[in-house]
N, C-alpha and C. Protein backbone atom coordinates (compact mmCIF):
# COMPACT_ATOMS: atom_id res chain seq x y z
N MET A 1 118.30 67.12 78.55
CA MET A 1 118.60 68.48 78.88
C MET A 1 118.38 68.72 80.33
N ARG A 2 119.39 69.41 80.97
CA ARG A 2 119.29 69.69 82.42
C ARG A 2 119.63 71.12 82.65
N ARG A 3 118.96 71.71 83.64
CA ARG A 3 119.24 73.09 84.05
C ARG A 3 119.67 73.04 85.51
N GLU A 4 120.78 73.74 85.81
CA GLU A 4 121.35 73.72 87.12
C GLU A 4 121.89 75.13 87.43
N ASN A 5 121.56 75.59 88.65
CA ASN A 5 122.14 76.85 89.13
C ASN A 5 123.34 76.53 89.97
N GLY A 6 124.41 77.30 89.80
CA GLY A 6 125.61 76.98 90.58
C GLY A 6 126.50 78.19 90.73
N PHE A 7 127.70 77.92 91.28
CA PHE A 7 128.67 78.93 91.51
C PHE A 7 130.05 78.46 91.02
N ILE A 8 130.73 79.18 90.15
CA ILE A 8 132.01 78.78 89.64
C ILE A 8 133.07 79.16 90.65
N LEU A 9 133.90 78.14 90.99
CA LEU A 9 134.92 78.33 91.97
C LEU A 9 136.27 78.59 91.35
N THR A 10 136.58 77.88 90.28
CA THR A 10 137.86 78.05 89.65
C THR A 10 137.76 77.66 88.14
N SER A 11 138.83 77.87 87.43
CA SER A 11 138.76 77.61 85.96
C SER A 11 140.16 77.29 85.48
N SER A 12 140.21 76.72 84.29
CA SER A 12 141.55 76.44 83.65
C SER A 12 141.27 76.47 82.13
N TRP A 13 142.33 76.44 81.39
CA TRP A 13 142.28 76.36 79.94
C TRP A 13 143.41 75.49 79.45
N GLU A 14 143.25 74.98 78.24
CA GLU A 14 144.32 74.23 77.55
C GLU A 14 144.04 74.20 76.12
N ASP A 15 145.16 74.11 75.35
CA ASP A 15 145.09 74.01 73.91
C ASP A 15 145.08 72.53 73.57
N THR A 16 144.28 72.12 72.66
CA THR A 16 144.32 70.76 72.11
C THR A 16 144.97 70.87 70.73
N GLU A 17 144.99 69.71 70.03
CA GLU A 17 145.66 69.79 68.73
C GLU A 17 144.91 70.74 67.74
N THR A 18 143.60 70.82 67.94
CA THR A 18 142.77 71.55 66.90
C THR A 18 142.10 72.82 67.46
N ASN A 19 141.93 72.88 68.73
CA ASN A 19 141.17 74.02 69.25
C ASN A 19 141.60 74.34 70.66
N HIS A 20 140.72 75.06 71.34
CA HIS A 20 140.92 75.61 72.67
C HIS A 20 139.88 75.06 73.64
N LEU A 21 140.23 74.70 74.81
CA LEU A 21 139.28 74.17 75.75
C LEU A 21 139.34 74.95 77.05
N LEU A 22 138.16 75.35 77.45
CA LEU A 22 137.95 76.06 78.77
C LEU A 22 137.32 75.10 79.68
N LYS A 23 137.75 75.09 80.97
CA LYS A 23 137.14 74.25 81.94
C LYS A 23 136.74 75.08 83.18
N PHE A 24 135.52 74.94 83.60
CA PHE A 24 135.04 75.62 84.83
C PHE A 24 134.61 74.59 85.83
N PHE A 25 134.97 74.81 87.09
CA PHE A 25 134.65 73.91 88.16
C PHE A 25 133.86 74.68 89.22
N GLY A 26 132.77 74.05 89.72
CA GLY A 26 132.01 74.79 90.64
C GLY A 26 131.12 73.87 91.53
N THR A 27 130.20 74.49 92.24
CA THR A 27 129.32 73.76 93.11
C THR A 27 127.91 74.23 92.85
N SER A 28 126.97 73.29 93.04
CA SER A 28 125.57 73.59 92.88
C SER A 28 124.81 72.98 94.10
N LYS A 29 123.56 73.15 94.12
CA LYS A 29 122.73 72.57 95.20
C LYS A 29 122.85 71.08 95.21
N THR A 30 123.01 70.50 94.04
CA THR A 30 123.08 69.03 93.99
C THR A 30 124.47 68.47 94.02
N GLY A 31 125.49 69.36 94.05
CA GLY A 31 126.88 68.88 94.16
C GLY A 31 127.79 69.54 93.18
N PRO A 32 129.03 68.96 93.04
CA PRO A 32 129.99 69.63 92.15
C PRO A 32 129.67 69.50 90.70
N PHE A 33 130.21 70.42 89.88
CA PHE A 33 130.04 70.36 88.44
C PHE A 33 131.34 70.75 87.77
N GLU A 34 131.43 70.29 86.51
CA GLU A 34 132.54 70.68 85.64
C GLU A 34 131.94 70.96 84.26
N ILE A 35 132.34 72.10 83.74
CA ILE A 35 131.89 72.58 82.43
C ILE A 35 133.04 72.62 81.45
N HIS A 36 132.88 71.99 80.25
CA HIS A 36 133.88 72.09 79.19
C HIS A 36 133.30 72.88 78.07
N VAL A 37 134.08 73.93 77.64
CA VAL A 37 133.65 74.80 76.56
C VAL A 37 134.69 74.67 75.45
N THR A 38 134.22 74.13 74.29
CA THR A 38 135.22 73.92 73.20
C THR A 38 134.91 74.84 72.02
N ASN A 39 133.91 75.64 72.14
CA ASN A 39 133.47 76.52 70.98
C ASN A 39 133.85 78.03 71.23
N PHE A 40 134.88 78.28 72.04
CA PHE A 40 135.29 79.62 72.35
C PHE A 40 136.69 79.83 71.75
N LYS A 41 136.86 80.97 71.07
CA LYS A 41 138.12 81.25 70.44
C LYS A 41 138.81 82.40 71.23
N PRO A 42 140.05 82.20 71.63
CA PRO A 42 140.81 83.26 72.26
C PRO A 42 140.91 84.48 71.34
N LEU A 43 141.01 85.66 71.97
CA LEU A 43 141.06 86.86 71.10
C LEU A 43 141.80 88.03 71.85
N PHE A 44 142.27 88.95 71.06
CA PHE A 44 142.63 90.26 71.51
C PHE A 44 142.29 91.28 70.44
N PHE A 45 142.58 92.54 70.72
CA PHE A 45 142.18 93.59 69.81
C PHE A 45 143.41 94.34 69.33
N VAL A 46 143.23 94.91 68.09
CA VAL A 46 144.23 95.89 67.53
C VAL A 46 143.45 97.01 66.96
N SER A 47 144.18 98.18 66.85
CA SER A 47 143.50 99.30 66.22
C SER A 47 143.14 98.97 64.75
N ARG A 48 141.91 99.42 64.40
CA ARG A 48 141.41 99.13 63.05
C ARG A 48 142.29 99.67 61.94
N GLU A 49 142.96 100.80 62.23
CA GLU A 49 143.77 101.46 61.17
C GLU A 49 145.15 100.73 60.97
N ILE A 50 145.51 99.85 61.82
CA ILE A 50 146.75 99.15 61.77
C ILE A 50 146.67 98.06 60.68
N LYS A 51 147.69 98.04 59.81
CA LYS A 51 147.77 97.03 58.74
C LYS A 51 148.71 95.94 59.28
N ILE A 52 148.22 94.72 59.34
CA ILE A 52 149.03 93.59 59.79
C ILE A 52 148.96 92.55 58.72
N PRO A 53 150.03 91.70 58.60
CA PRO A 53 149.92 90.66 57.53
C PRO A 53 148.87 89.63 57.82
N SER A 54 148.25 89.11 56.78
CA SER A 54 147.25 88.06 56.96
C SER A 54 147.97 86.75 57.47
N SER A 55 147.22 85.99 58.15
CA SER A 55 147.77 84.75 58.70
C SER A 55 146.74 83.70 58.90
N LYS A 56 147.09 82.44 58.78
CA LYS A 56 146.15 81.37 59.02
C LYS A 56 145.93 81.20 60.54
N LYS A 57 146.71 81.85 61.37
CA LYS A 57 146.63 81.75 62.84
C LYS A 57 145.41 82.50 63.41
N TYR A 58 144.91 83.47 62.70
CA TYR A 58 143.82 84.26 63.22
C TYR A 58 142.84 84.71 62.13
N GLU A 59 141.68 85.15 62.59
CA GLU A 59 140.66 85.74 61.77
C GLU A 59 140.35 87.17 62.32
N ARG A 60 140.50 88.13 61.45
CA ARG A 60 140.30 89.54 61.90
C ARG A 60 138.88 89.89 61.62
N LYS A 61 138.20 90.47 62.63
CA LYS A 61 136.78 90.84 62.46
C LYS A 61 136.57 92.29 63.03
N LYS A 62 135.72 93.05 62.35
CA LYS A 62 135.28 94.30 62.91
C LYS A 62 134.40 94.13 64.06
N VAL A 63 134.58 94.91 65.11
CA VAL A 63 133.68 94.89 66.27
C VAL A 63 133.32 96.32 66.65
N GLU A 64 132.25 96.45 67.27
CA GLU A 64 131.74 97.83 67.62
C GLU A 64 132.36 98.24 69.01
N LEU A 65 133.68 98.28 69.05
CA LEU A 65 134.41 98.65 70.27
C LEU A 65 135.43 99.67 69.96
N LYS A 66 135.83 100.46 70.95
CA LYS A 66 136.92 101.45 70.82
C LYS A 66 137.85 101.25 71.99
N ASN A 67 139.13 101.68 71.80
CA ASN A 67 140.10 101.66 72.85
C ASN A 67 139.85 102.91 73.73
N PHE A 68 140.62 103.13 74.79
CA PHE A 68 140.45 104.28 75.67
C PHE A 68 140.70 105.58 75.00
N ALA A 69 141.43 105.63 73.89
CA ALA A 69 141.63 106.86 73.14
C ALA A 69 140.49 107.17 72.17
N GLY A 70 139.47 106.26 72.14
CA GLY A 70 138.31 106.44 71.29
C GLY A 70 138.55 105.97 69.85
N ILE A 71 139.58 105.18 69.62
CA ILE A 71 139.92 104.68 68.33
C ILE A 71 139.28 103.29 68.10
N ASP A 72 138.64 103.09 66.92
CA ASP A 72 138.02 101.81 66.63
C ASP A 72 139.00 100.69 66.64
N VAL A 73 138.59 99.54 67.17
CA VAL A 73 139.47 98.36 67.18
C VAL A 73 138.82 97.19 66.49
N ASP A 74 139.64 96.28 65.99
CA ASP A 74 139.18 95.01 65.47
C ASP A 74 139.59 93.83 66.38
N ALA A 75 138.90 92.78 66.33
CA ALA A 75 139.23 91.66 67.14
C ALA A 75 140.00 90.60 66.24
N LEU A 76 141.02 90.00 66.82
CA LEU A 76 141.75 88.91 66.22
C LEU A 76 141.37 87.63 66.94
N TYR A 77 140.70 86.70 66.25
CA TYR A 77 140.25 85.44 66.90
C TYR A 77 141.19 84.30 66.50
N PHE A 78 141.58 83.48 67.49
CA PHE A 78 142.56 82.40 67.31
C PHE A 78 141.94 81.09 67.63
N ASN A 79 142.43 80.02 67.03
CA ASN A 79 141.98 78.64 67.42
C ASN A 79 142.63 78.22 68.72
N THR A 80 143.82 78.70 68.98
CA THR A 80 144.55 78.25 70.22
C THR A 80 145.19 79.44 70.91
N GLN A 81 145.38 79.31 72.21
CA GLN A 81 146.08 80.41 72.94
C GLN A 81 147.57 80.48 72.53
N LYS A 82 148.11 79.30 72.11
CA LYS A 82 149.50 79.41 71.58
C LYS A 82 149.65 80.29 70.36
N ASP A 83 148.70 80.22 69.45
CA ASP A 83 148.68 81.08 68.30
C ASP A 83 148.51 82.56 68.70
N LEU A 84 147.68 82.78 69.72
CA LEU A 84 147.46 84.18 70.22
C LEU A 84 148.80 84.70 70.76
N TYR A 85 149.47 83.89 71.67
CA TYR A 85 150.70 84.32 72.22
C TYR A 85 151.81 84.64 71.11
N GLU A 86 151.90 83.72 70.16
CA GLU A 86 152.89 83.89 69.08
C GLU A 86 152.62 85.22 68.28
N THR A 87 151.34 85.42 67.94
CA THR A 87 150.96 86.61 67.21
C THR A 87 151.17 87.86 68.00
N ARG A 88 150.76 87.82 69.30
CA ARG A 88 150.96 88.98 70.19
C ARG A 88 152.45 89.36 70.25
N ASP A 89 153.33 88.35 70.40
CA ASP A 89 154.77 88.63 70.51
C ASP A 89 155.31 89.12 69.17
N PHE A 90 154.85 88.57 68.07
CA PHE A 90 155.25 89.03 66.74
C PHE A 90 154.89 90.52 66.53
N LEU A 91 153.63 90.84 66.83
CA LEU A 91 153.19 92.23 66.70
C LEU A 91 153.96 93.22 67.64
N LYS A 92 154.29 92.72 68.81
CA LYS A 92 155.03 93.55 69.80
C LYS A 92 156.39 93.88 69.21
N GLN A 93 157.05 92.85 68.65
CA GLN A 93 158.34 93.07 67.98
C GLN A 93 158.30 94.05 66.86
N LYS A 94 157.15 94.15 66.20
CA LYS A 94 156.99 95.09 65.08
C LYS A 94 156.50 96.44 65.57
N GLY A 95 156.37 96.58 66.90
CA GLY A 95 155.93 97.87 67.49
C GLY A 95 154.42 98.11 67.36
N ILE A 96 153.66 97.04 67.09
CA ILE A 96 152.19 97.17 67.03
C ILE A 96 151.59 96.88 68.40
N ARG A 97 150.75 97.78 68.82
CA ARG A 97 150.13 97.62 70.17
C ARG A 97 148.90 96.72 70.06
N THR A 98 148.77 95.86 71.06
CA THR A 98 147.61 94.99 71.16
C THR A 98 146.85 95.42 72.40
N PHE A 99 145.55 95.11 72.43
CA PHE A 99 144.71 95.41 73.62
C PHE A 99 144.10 94.12 74.13
N GLU A 100 144.19 93.98 75.40
CA GLU A 100 143.61 92.83 76.19
C GLU A 100 144.18 91.47 75.79
N ALA A 101 145.46 91.50 75.31
CA ALA A 101 146.13 90.24 75.02
C ALA A 101 146.50 89.48 76.24
N ASP A 102 146.47 90.15 77.41
CA ASP A 102 146.85 89.57 78.69
C ASP A 102 145.67 88.93 79.48
N VAL A 103 144.45 89.06 78.94
CA VAL A 103 143.26 88.52 79.66
C VAL A 103 143.21 87.03 79.49
N ARG A 104 143.19 86.27 80.55
CA ARG A 104 143.14 84.84 80.47
C ARG A 104 141.85 84.42 79.82
N PRO A 105 141.83 83.38 78.97
CA PRO A 105 140.65 82.91 78.27
C PRO A 105 139.43 82.65 79.18
N PRO A 106 139.56 81.97 80.33
CA PRO A 106 138.33 81.76 81.15
C PRO A 106 137.70 83.08 81.63
N GLU A 107 138.56 84.04 82.03
CA GLU A 107 138.01 85.32 82.51
C GLU A 107 137.36 86.07 81.34
N ARG A 108 137.93 86.01 80.17
CA ARG A 108 137.32 86.71 79.03
C ARG A 108 135.92 86.08 78.73
N PHE A 109 135.87 84.75 78.73
CA PHE A 109 134.56 84.02 78.48
C PHE A 109 133.53 84.50 79.51
N LEU A 110 133.90 84.46 80.78
CA LEU A 110 132.96 84.84 81.78
C LEU A 110 132.56 86.33 81.68
N MET A 111 133.52 87.13 81.41
CA MET A 111 133.25 88.57 81.26
C MET A 111 132.27 88.84 80.11
N GLU A 112 132.47 88.20 78.96
CA GLU A 112 131.64 88.35 77.82
C GLU A 112 130.23 87.85 78.04
N HIS A 113 130.06 86.93 78.98
CA HIS A 113 128.69 86.38 79.39
C HIS A 113 128.17 87.08 80.67
N PHE A 114 128.87 88.14 81.14
CA PHE A 114 128.43 88.85 82.38
C PHE A 114 128.24 87.92 83.57
N ILE A 115 129.13 86.94 83.68
CA ILE A 115 129.09 85.96 84.75
C ILE A 115 130.17 86.32 85.79
N ASN A 116 129.81 86.49 87.04
CA ASN A 116 130.76 86.83 88.09
C ASN A 116 130.99 85.65 89.03
N GLY A 117 130.40 84.53 88.79
CA GLY A 117 130.49 83.39 89.70
C GLY A 117 129.22 82.64 89.70
N GLU A 118 128.09 83.36 89.87
CA GLU A 118 126.79 82.72 89.91
C GLU A 118 126.37 82.41 88.43
N VAL A 119 126.00 81.18 88.21
CA VAL A 119 125.77 80.78 86.80
C VAL A 119 124.60 79.84 86.70
N GLU A 120 123.81 80.03 85.65
CA GLU A 120 122.72 79.07 85.27
C GLU A 120 123.34 78.23 84.14
N ILE A 121 123.32 76.91 84.27
CA ILE A 121 123.88 76.01 83.26
C ILE A 121 122.72 75.29 82.65
N GLU A 122 122.66 75.24 81.32
CA GLU A 122 121.61 74.52 80.65
C GLU A 122 122.19 73.74 79.51
N GLY A 123 122.03 72.42 79.55
CA GLY A 123 122.56 71.59 78.45
C GLY A 123 122.59 70.14 78.79
N GLU A 124 123.11 69.35 77.85
CA GLU A 124 123.25 67.89 78.09
C GLU A 124 124.31 67.71 79.19
N CYS A 125 124.03 66.69 80.00
CA CYS A 125 124.88 66.51 81.23
C CYS A 125 125.04 65.01 81.46
N GLU A 126 126.20 64.67 81.97
CA GLU A 126 126.50 63.32 82.40
C GLU A 126 126.87 63.36 83.87
N GLU A 127 126.42 62.45 84.64
CA GLU A 127 126.79 62.44 86.07
C GLU A 127 127.72 61.26 86.30
N VAL A 128 128.91 61.53 86.79
CA VAL A 128 129.91 60.48 87.12
C VAL A 128 130.38 60.70 88.53
N SER A 129 130.20 59.74 89.39
CA SER A 129 130.61 59.69 90.76
C SER A 129 130.15 60.96 91.52
N GLY A 130 128.98 61.40 91.20
CA GLY A 130 128.43 62.54 91.95
C GLY A 130 128.77 63.91 91.34
N THR A 131 129.55 63.92 90.27
CA THR A 131 129.93 65.21 89.62
C THR A 131 129.12 65.29 88.33
N LEU A 132 128.55 66.52 88.09
CA LEU A 132 127.89 66.76 86.84
C LEU A 132 128.86 67.33 85.75
N TYR A 133 128.86 66.72 84.59
CA TYR A 133 129.78 67.11 83.54
C TYR A 133 128.87 67.69 82.37
N PHE A 134 129.17 68.93 82.01
CA PHE A 134 128.51 69.60 80.90
C PHE A 134 129.48 69.88 79.78
N LYS A 135 129.09 69.70 78.52
CA LYS A 135 129.92 70.08 77.37
C LYS A 135 129.21 71.15 76.56
N ASN A 136 129.75 72.30 76.39
CA ASN A 136 129.20 73.37 75.63
C ASN A 136 127.75 73.76 76.05
N PRO A 137 127.48 73.85 77.31
CA PRO A 137 126.11 74.27 77.65
C PRO A 137 125.86 75.71 77.41
N THR A 138 124.64 76.14 77.54
CA THR A 138 124.32 77.53 77.56
C THR A 138 124.51 78.04 78.96
N LEU A 139 125.21 79.16 79.14
CA LEU A 139 125.51 79.74 80.43
C LEU A 139 124.92 81.09 80.56
N ARG A 140 124.33 81.40 81.64
CA ARG A 140 123.73 82.72 81.92
C ARG A 140 124.00 83.10 83.38
N THR A 141 124.06 84.41 83.60
CA THR A 141 124.21 84.83 84.99
C THR A 141 122.86 84.59 85.72
N THR A 142 122.97 84.40 86.98
CA THR A 142 121.74 84.14 87.75
C THR A 142 122.04 84.55 89.19
N ASN A 143 121.03 84.34 90.07
CA ASN A 143 121.25 84.59 91.48
C ASN A 143 121.31 83.19 92.19
N PHE A 144 122.40 82.91 92.79
CA PHE A 144 122.62 81.68 93.49
C PHE A 144 123.65 81.86 94.62
N THR A 145 123.29 81.45 95.80
CA THR A 145 124.17 81.56 96.94
C THR A 145 124.57 80.10 97.35
N PRO A 146 125.83 79.76 97.14
CA PRO A 146 126.23 78.42 97.48
C PRO A 146 126.40 78.24 99.04
N LYS A 147 126.30 77.01 99.44
CA LYS A 147 126.47 76.68 100.81
C LYS A 147 127.91 76.07 100.97
N PHE A 148 128.85 76.96 101.41
CA PHE A 148 130.18 76.53 101.53
C PHE A 148 130.40 75.75 102.83
N LYS A 149 131.39 74.90 102.86
CA LYS A 149 131.80 74.18 104.12
C LYS A 149 133.15 74.77 104.51
N ILE A 150 133.41 74.80 105.79
CA ILE A 150 134.67 75.32 106.27
C ILE A 150 135.67 74.25 106.43
N LEU A 151 136.89 74.51 105.94
CA LEU A 151 137.97 73.58 106.01
C LEU A 151 139.18 74.32 106.50
N SER A 152 139.83 73.74 107.52
CA SER A 152 141.09 74.35 108.03
C SER A 152 142.25 73.45 107.65
N LEU A 153 143.24 74.04 107.02
CA LEU A 153 144.39 73.28 106.59
C LEU A 153 145.62 73.91 107.15
N ASP A 154 146.43 73.12 107.88
CA ASP A 154 147.64 73.61 108.51
C ASP A 154 148.81 72.96 107.85
N ILE A 155 149.69 73.74 107.26
CA ILE A 155 150.90 73.21 106.58
C ILE A 155 152.07 73.56 107.38
N GLU A 156 152.81 72.53 107.79
CA GLU A 156 154.07 72.77 108.51
C GLU A 156 155.25 72.79 107.54
N THR A 157 156.06 73.82 107.57
CA THR A 157 157.18 73.95 106.72
C THR A 157 158.39 74.34 107.54
N SER A 158 159.57 73.94 106.97
CA SER A 158 160.83 74.36 107.57
C SER A 158 161.83 74.53 106.50
N ARG A 159 162.96 75.09 106.74
CA ARG A 159 164.06 75.23 105.84
C ARG A 159 164.64 73.93 105.37
N GLY A 160 164.62 73.00 106.24
CA GLY A 160 165.26 71.66 105.97
C GLY A 160 164.44 70.79 105.00
N ASN A 161 163.17 71.10 104.86
CA ASN A 161 162.35 70.23 104.04
C ASN A 161 162.22 70.74 102.68
């Protein structure tokens, strides 16, 4: 078990055959890190009063949230972002409004954990070539100021290239 404070610089996501993978890349006092999160389900919200057909693509759950009009909403949880997009598009065609279906999965994960960049990582870790790799660690917000290095990059372009 390892605990590391760091700063998330960028993120990505991808669907696998069976689930959804979030990747976070950052820096810590000891060097670069990469976090893989496989236990997060993409989601969006619909008004609780809306009747939609059941599907194997999502699980509908009551949540204690309201939209801006003060109407209760339910969350639809998906195994993959592809399923989320397909369901969002299907509901849109039926005239059913969705909420927060445009929020990228990494941003939603960080938002739900109140993480703005500074992160405490706790979990099993493997170090490969100076990079720390964590899979499904516990993440919490913390106070951490990274020491950035300055890099100047000059790109020459022209119409002919």
